[in-house]
Structures are given as structure tokens and as C-alpha cells.
Amino acid sequence: GRLVITRAGHPEIVICRGSECIICETEGNLPLGVLPEMAYEENELYLSLDDTIILYTDGLIEAKQDNLLLGEDCMVEKLSKAACGNDPLRITQEMVAIAKGFTGGKPQDDIAIIALRLRQRQASDV
């Protein structure tokens, strides 16, 4: 499936495919409303059946332990080991658990996560 996205100040998108999670490096933009006339770059992603796309706020990857940030690379590495191949709800639960584990149970910022899986369209979906 083809997905067209625009990032407006949000972190990179993660795709879980099979037993691997990857960061999709896409063109970033300023947050909405910073420059009223700004044109936002669009990015195209191509998804395979059963891919899970994950969108999240920066509170997740900016979880701190002392002066260290969790970061995207560490999150994706831990996620690949713990949750890839699971259903979207389990993936989001694991992401929160990773952030809480990194911070000793006390993330400093709000965390929002959306995980969506591409499925085959069923006749009953029409």
C-alpha cells in the first residue's frame, strides 16, 4: 500500500516488518503554524501487507535517564527484540514499557503512540 505523509515537527516514523523495526528517514518540516505560508514536503512510503506503521510524540524518545536520552535508535533496537511481529496494541504497550524501564518508571513528558497495521481488505469491509 502507498502512504503519503507529511511530518510537521514530529519524530521519524517507525515501520515494523516481520521481525525487524526500521526508522523511515523522511523529510522533516517545521511544526504547523510556525510559518503560515510554509509549504510542507510530502513523503511516500510503500507498505507491505502486515506492516505496522508507528507514529509517536517526542516524549517517547526523549525519555531521560540521568543526562542520557533514550533516542530513536535505542528505542527501535529494543522494540525489534521485544515486540516486532506482535499486534499493534502489544507494540504500543512495549514502547511505553521501554520508556518507563529507561527512566525508572517515571517518563518526564507525555507519550502518545499510534500503531496501525496494513491488512488485506475483506469483502465485509466494503
C-alpha atoms as a PDB file:
ATOM      1  CA  GLY A   1       0.000   0.000   0.000  1.00  0.00           C
ATOM      2  CA  ARG A   2       1.094   3.536  -0.714  1.00  0.00           C
ATOM      3  CA  LEU A   3       1.146   6.027   2.147  1.00  0.00           C
ATOM      4  CA  VAL A   4       1.742   9.747   1.660  1.00  0.00           C
ATOM      5  CA  ILE A   5       2.782  11.591   4.808  1.00  0.00           C
ATOM      6  CA  THR A   6       3.983  14.974   5.994  1.00  0.00           C
ATOM      7  CA  ARG A   7       5.881  15.346   9.247  1.00  0.00           C
ATOM      8  CA  ALA A   8       5.301  18.680  10.952  1.00  0.00           C
ATOM      9  CA  GLY A   9       7.789  18.687  13.800  1.00  0.00           C
ATOM     10  CA  HIS A  10       7.208  15.069  14.828  1.00  0.00           C
ATOM     11  CA  PRO A  11       9.802  12.291  15.150  1.00  0.00           C
ATOM     12  CA  GLU A  12      10.550   9.852  12.352  1.00  0.00           C
ATOM     13  CA  ILE A  13       8.015   7.125  11.591  1.00  0.00           C
ATOM     14  CA  VAL A  14       8.851   3.529  12.508  1.00  0.00           C
ATOM     15  CA  ILE A  15       7.738   0.541  10.462  1.00  0.00           C
ATOM     16  CA  CYS A  16       7.702  -2.970  11.907  1.00  0.00           C
ATOM     17  CA  ARG A  17       8.060  -5.504   9.133  1.00  0.00           C
ATOM     18  CA  GLY A  18       8.368  -9.152  10.074  1.00  0.00           C
ATOM     19  CA  SER A  19      10.921  -9.415  12.877  1.00  0.00           C
ATOM     20  CA  GLU A  20      12.527  -6.024  12.222  1.00  0.00           C
ATOM     21  CA  CYS A  21      11.601  -2.456  13.075  1.00  0.00           C
ATOM     22  CA  ILE A  22      13.118   0.321  10.984  1.00  0.00           C
ATOM     23  CA  ILE A  23      13.185   4.101  11.137  1.00  0.00           C
ATOM     24  CA  CYS A  24      11.839   5.672   7.941  1.00  0.00           C
ATOM     25  CA  GLU A  25      14.020   8.668   7.270  1.00  0.00           C
ATOM     26  CA  THR A  26      11.652  11.159   5.717  1.00  0.00           C
ATOM     27  CA  GLU A  27      11.795  14.885   5.069  1.00  0.00           C
ATOM     28  CA  GLY A  28      11.002  16.816   8.251  1.00  0.00           C
ATOM     29  CA  ASN A  29       9.182  20.121   8.442  1.00  0.00           C
ATOM     30  CA  LEU A  30       8.621  22.850  10.980  1.00  0.00           C
ATOM     31  CA  PRO A  31       5.650  22.388  13.323  1.00  0.00           C
ATOM     32  CA  LEU A  32       2.279  23.526  11.969  1.00  0.00           C
ATOM     33  CA  GLY A  33       1.594  27.227  12.382  1.00  0.00           C
ATOM     34  CA  VAL A  34       5.212  28.384  12.794  1.00  0.00           C
ATOM     35  CA  LEU A  35       5.239  29.941   9.330  1.00  0.00           C
ATOM     36  CA  PRO A  36       1.702  30.487   7.999  1.00  0.00           C
ATOM     37  CA  GLU A  37       2.741  30.354   4.312  1.00  0.00           C
ATOM     38  CA  MET A  38       5.034  27.338   4.590  1.00  0.00           C
ATOM     39  CA  ALA A  39       4.710  24.546   2.035  1.00  0.00           C
ATOM     40  CA  TYR A  40       5.220  21.127   3.617  1.00  0.00           C
ATOM     41  CA  GLU A  41       7.229  18.381   1.948  1.00  0.00           C
ATOM     42  CA  GLU A  42       5.344  15.151   1.316  1.00  0.00           C
ATOM     43  CA  ASN A  43       6.941  11.736   1.565  1.00  0.00           C
ATOM     44  CA  GLU A  44       5.786   8.472   0.034  1.00  0.00           C
ATOM     45  CA  LEU A  45       6.159   5.197   1.876  1.00  0.00           C
ATOM     46  CA  TYR A  46       5.300   1.806   0.471  1.00  0.00           C
ATOM     47  CA  LEU A  47       3.921  -0.733   2.899  1.00  0.00           C
ATOM     48  CA  SER A  48       3.569  -4.476   2.557  1.00  0.00           C
ATOM     49  CA  LEU A  49       0.694  -6.492   3.980  1.00  0.00           C
ATOM     50  CA  ASP A  50       1.043  -6.913   7.757  1.00  0.00           C
ATOM     51  CA  ASP A  51       3.476  -4.000   8.092  1.00  0.00           C
ATOM     52  CA  THR A  52       2.819  -1.914  11.198  1.00  0.00           C
ATOM     53  CA  ILE A  53       3.397   1.830  10.996  1.00  0.00           C
ATOM     54  CA  ILE A  54       4.109   3.611  14.279  1.00  0.00           C
ATOM     55  CA  LEU A  55       3.649   7.313  14.959  1.00  0.00           C
ATOM     56  CA  TYR A  56       4.656   8.767  18.313  1.00  0.00           C
ATOM     57  CA  THR A  57       5.425  12.001  20.129  1.00  0.00           C
ATOM     58  CA  ASP A  58       8.900  13.098  21.144  1.00  0.00           C
ATOM     59  CA  GLY A  59       8.151  12.350  24.811  1.00  0.00           C
ATOM     60  CA  LEU A  60       8.865   8.715  23.983  1.00  0.00           C
ATOM     61  CA  ILE A  61      12.361   9.072  22.524  1.00  0.00           C
ATOM     62  CA  GLU A  62      13.308  11.985  24.797  1.00  0.00           C
ATOM     63  CA  ALA A  63      12.826   9.847  27.904  1.00  0.00           C
ATOM     64  CA  LYS A  64      15.809  10.579  30.142  1.00  0.00           C
ATOM     65  CA  GLN A  65      17.997   8.565  32.469  1.00  0.00           C
ATOM     66  CA  ASP A  66      20.348  10.952  34.236  1.00  0.00           C
ATOM     67  CA  ASN A  67      21.521  13.085  31.269  1.00  0.00           C
ATOM     68  CA  LEU A  68      21.053  10.387  28.615  1.00  0.00           C
ATOM     69  CA  LEU A  69      18.178  10.355  26.134  1.00  0.00           C
ATOM     70  CA  LEU A  70      16.577   7.083  25.064  1.00  0.00           C
ATOM     71  CA  GLY A  71      16.663   8.163  21.391  1.00  0.00           C
ATOM     72  CA  GLU A  72      15.167   6.687  18.236  1.00  0.00           C
ATOM     73  CA  ASP A  73      17.932   4.171  17.533  1.00  0.00           C
ATOM     74  CA  CYS A  74      17.816   2.656  21.025  1.00  0.00           C
ATOM     75  CA  MET A  75      14.004   2.551  21.002  1.00  0.00           C
ATOM     76  CA  VAL A  76      13.906   0.778  17.635  1.00  0.00           C
ATOM     77  CA  GLU A  77      16.614  -1.695  18.643  1.00  0.00           C
ATOM     78  CA  LYS A  78      14.772  -2.617  21.848  1.00  0.00           C
ATOM     79  CA  LEU A  79      11.437  -2.716  20.010  1.00  0.00           C
ATOM     80  CA  SER A  80      12.811  -5.085  17.340  1.00  0.00           C
ATOM     81  CA  LYS A  81      13.887  -7.509  20.063  1.00  0.00           C
ATOM     82  CA  ALA A  82      10.744  -7.261  22.179  1.00  0.00           C
ATOM     83  CA  ALA A  83       7.671  -6.572  20.113  1.00  0.00           C
ATOM     84  CA  CYS A  84       8.089  -6.837  16.353  1.00  0.00           C
ATOM     85  CA  GLY A  85       5.595  -9.264  14.881  1.00  0.00           C
ATOM     86  CA  ASN A  86       3.096  -8.612  17.658  1.00  0.00           C
ATOM     87  CA  ASP A  87      -0.256  -6.922  17.237  1.00  0.00           C
ATOM     88  CA  PRO A  88      -0.334  -3.086  17.270  1.00  0.00           C
ATOM     89  CA  LEU A  89      -1.682  -2.871  20.838  1.00  0.00           C
ATOM     90  CA  ARG A  90       1.161  -5.043  22.156  1.00  0.00           C
ATOM     91  CA  ILE A  91       3.703  -2.946  20.228  1.00  0.00           C
ATOM     92  CA  THR A  92       2.443   0.291  21.815  1.00  0.00           C
ATOM     93  CA  GLN A  93       2.439  -1.296  25.268  1.00  0.00           C
ATOM     94  CA  GLU A  94       6.019  -2.452  24.764  1.00  0.00           C
ATOM     95  CA  MET A  95       7.107   1.027  23.635  1.00  0.00           C
ATOM     96  CA  VAL A  96       5.698   2.560  26.823  1.00  0.00           C
ATOM     97  CA  ALA A  97       7.367  -0.188  28.886  1.00  0.00           C
ATOM     98  CA  ILE A  98      10.722   0.548  27.208  1.00  0.00           C
ATOM     99  CA  ALA A  99      10.435   4.264  28.045  1.00  0.00           C
ATOM    100  CA  LYS A 100       9.376   3.535  31.623  1.00  0.00           C
ATOM    101  CA  GLY A 101      12.164   1.000  32.049  1.00  0.00           C
ATOM    102  CA  PHE A 102      14.719   3.502  30.772  1.00  0.00           C
ATOM    103  CA  THR A 103      13.529   6.249  33.145  1.00  0.00           C
ATOM    104  CA  GLY A 104      12.994   4.077  36.206  1.00  0.00           C
ATOM    105  CA  GLY A 105       9.224   4.208  35.728  1.00  0.00           C
ATOM    106  CA  LYS A 106       8.914   7.985  35.508  1.00  0.00           C
ATOM    107  CA  PRO A 107       8.894   9.448  31.979  1.00  0.00           C
ATOM    108  CA  GLN A 108       9.236  13.236  32.163  1.00  0.00           C
ATOM    109  CA  ASP A 109       6.977  14.104  29.233  1.00  0.00           C
ATOM    110  CA  ASP A 110       3.670  12.952  27.807  1.00  0.00           C
ATOM    111  CA  ILE A 111       3.759   9.983  25.461  1.00  0.00           C
ATOM    112  CA  ALA A 112       1.317   9.370  22.628  1.00  0.00           C
ATOM    113  CA  ILE A 113       1.623   6.410  20.244  1.00  0.00           C
ATOM    114  CA  ILE A 114      -0.455   5.247  17.289  1.00  0.00           C
ATOM    115  CA  ALA A 115       0.268   1.865  15.680  1.00  0.00           C
ATOM    116  CA  LEU A 116      -1.606   0.814  12.550  1.00  0.00           C
ATOM    117  CA  ARG A 117      -1.288  -2.467  10.653  1.00  0.00           C
ATOM    118  CA  LEU A 118      -1.929  -2.860   6.934  1.00  0.00           C
ATOM    119  CA  ARG A 119      -4.298  -5.772   6.370  1.00  0.00           C
ATOM    120  CA  GLN A 120      -5.844  -7.387   3.335  1.00  0.00           C
ATOM    121  CA  ARG A 121      -9.220  -5.842   2.582  1.00  0.00           C
ATOM    122  CA  GLN A 122     -12.054  -8.250   3.304  1.00  0.00           C
ATOM    123  CA  ALA A 123     -15.294  -8.365   1.297  1.00  0.00           C
ATOM    124  CA  SER A 124     -17.122  -7.349   4.510  1.00  0.00           C
ATOM    125  CA  ASP A 125     -15.000  -4.117   4.671  1.00  0.00           C
ATOM    126  CA  VAL A 126     -16.657  -2.644   1.583  1.00  0.00           C
END
